[in-house]
C-alpha atoms as a PDB file:
ATOM      1  CA  MET A   1      -1.339   2.450  12.279  1.00  0.00           C
ATOM      2  CA  LYS A   2      -0.108   2.376  15.809  1.00  0.00           C
ATOM      3  CA  GLY A   3      -1.494   1.076  19.066  1.00  0.00           C
ATOM      4  CA  TYR A   4      -1.300  -1.376  21.934  1.00  0.00           C
ATOM      5  CA  VAL A   5      -3.426  -3.879  23.840  1.00  0.00           C
ATOM      6  CA  THR A   6      -4.808  -2.939  27.283  1.00  0.00           C
ATOM      7  CA  ALA A   7      -6.848  -4.841  29.862  1.00  0.00           C
ATOM      8  CA  THR A   8      -9.992  -3.113  28.581  1.00  0.00           C
ATOM      9  CA  GLY A   9      -9.416  -3.176  24.816  1.00  0.00           C
ATOM     10  CA  TYR A  10      -7.057  -1.723  22.231  1.00  0.00           C
ATOM     11  CA  MET A  11      -5.634   1.807  22.333  1.00  0.00           C
ATOM     12  CA  GLY A  12      -5.322   2.940  18.743  1.00  0.00           C
ATOM     13  CA  PHE A  13      -3.557   6.104  17.604  1.00  0.00           C
ATOM     14  CA  VAL A  14      -5.857   8.334  15.548  1.00  0.00           C
ATOM     15  CA  GLU A  15      -5.065  11.880  14.405  1.00  0.00           C
ATOM     16  CA  GLY A  16      -2.578  12.638  17.170  1.00  0.00           C
ATOM     17  CA  ARG A  17      -4.350  10.961  20.080  1.00  0.00           C
ATOM     18  CA  TYR A  18      -5.148   7.517  21.416  1.00  0.00           C
ATOM     19  CA  ILE A  19      -8.724   6.174  21.325  1.00  0.00           C
ATOM     20  CA  LEU A  20      -9.883   3.040  23.143  1.00  0.00           C
ATOM     21  CA  PHE A  21     -11.436   0.410  20.851  1.00  0.00           C
ATOM     22  CA  CYS A  22     -12.987  -2.921  21.822  1.00  0.00           C
ATOM     23  CA  SER A  23     -10.350  -4.797  19.828  1.00  0.00           C
ATOM     24  CA  GLU A  24      -7.516  -4.309  17.373  1.00  0.00           C
ATOM     25  CA  SER A  25      -9.810  -5.393  14.540  1.00  0.00           C
ATOM     26  CA  ASP A  26     -12.258  -2.604  15.471  1.00  0.00           C
ATOM     27  CA  TYR A  27      -9.355  -0.165  15.255  1.00  0.00           C
ATOM     28  CA  VAL A  28      -8.338  -1.483  11.820  1.00  0.00           C
ATOM     29  CA  ASP A  29     -11.941  -1.216  10.588  1.00  0.00           C
ATOM     30  CA  TYR A  30     -12.167   2.359  11.882  1.00  0.00           C
ATOM     31  CA  ILE A  31      -8.945   3.382  10.110  1.00  0.00           C
ATOM     32  CA  ARG A  32     -10.124   1.800   6.845  1.00  0.00           C
ATOM     33  CA  GLU A  33     -13.461   3.620   7.047  1.00  0.00           C
ATOM     34  CA  MET A  34     -11.733   6.935   7.767  1.00  0.00           C
ATOM     35  CA  LYS A  35      -9.509   6.458   4.697  1.00  0.00           C
ATOM     36  CA  GLU A  36     -12.550   5.673   2.525  1.00  0.00           C
ATOM     37  CA  ILE A  37     -14.367   8.775   3.770  1.00  0.00           C
ATOM     38  CA  SER A  38     -11.305  10.917   3.135  1.00  0.00           C
ATOM     39  CA  ILE A  39     -10.917   9.552  -0.400  1.00  0.00           C
ATOM     40  CA  ALA A  40     -14.627  10.057  -1.154  1.00  0.00           C
ATOM     41  CA  ALA A  41     -14.481  13.642   0.133  1.00  0.00           C
ATOM     42  CA  GLY A  42     -11.674  14.264  -2.315  1.00  0.00           C
END
């Protein structure tokens, strides 16, 4: 996980690009959900 705080939220690094999230915790939740989906897809 990689990212940084901005004036408008948190820029989180996802699959080779940065995405703006409302907060760092939103970014962490997103990454966790993506990992769960990837595991479930097998």
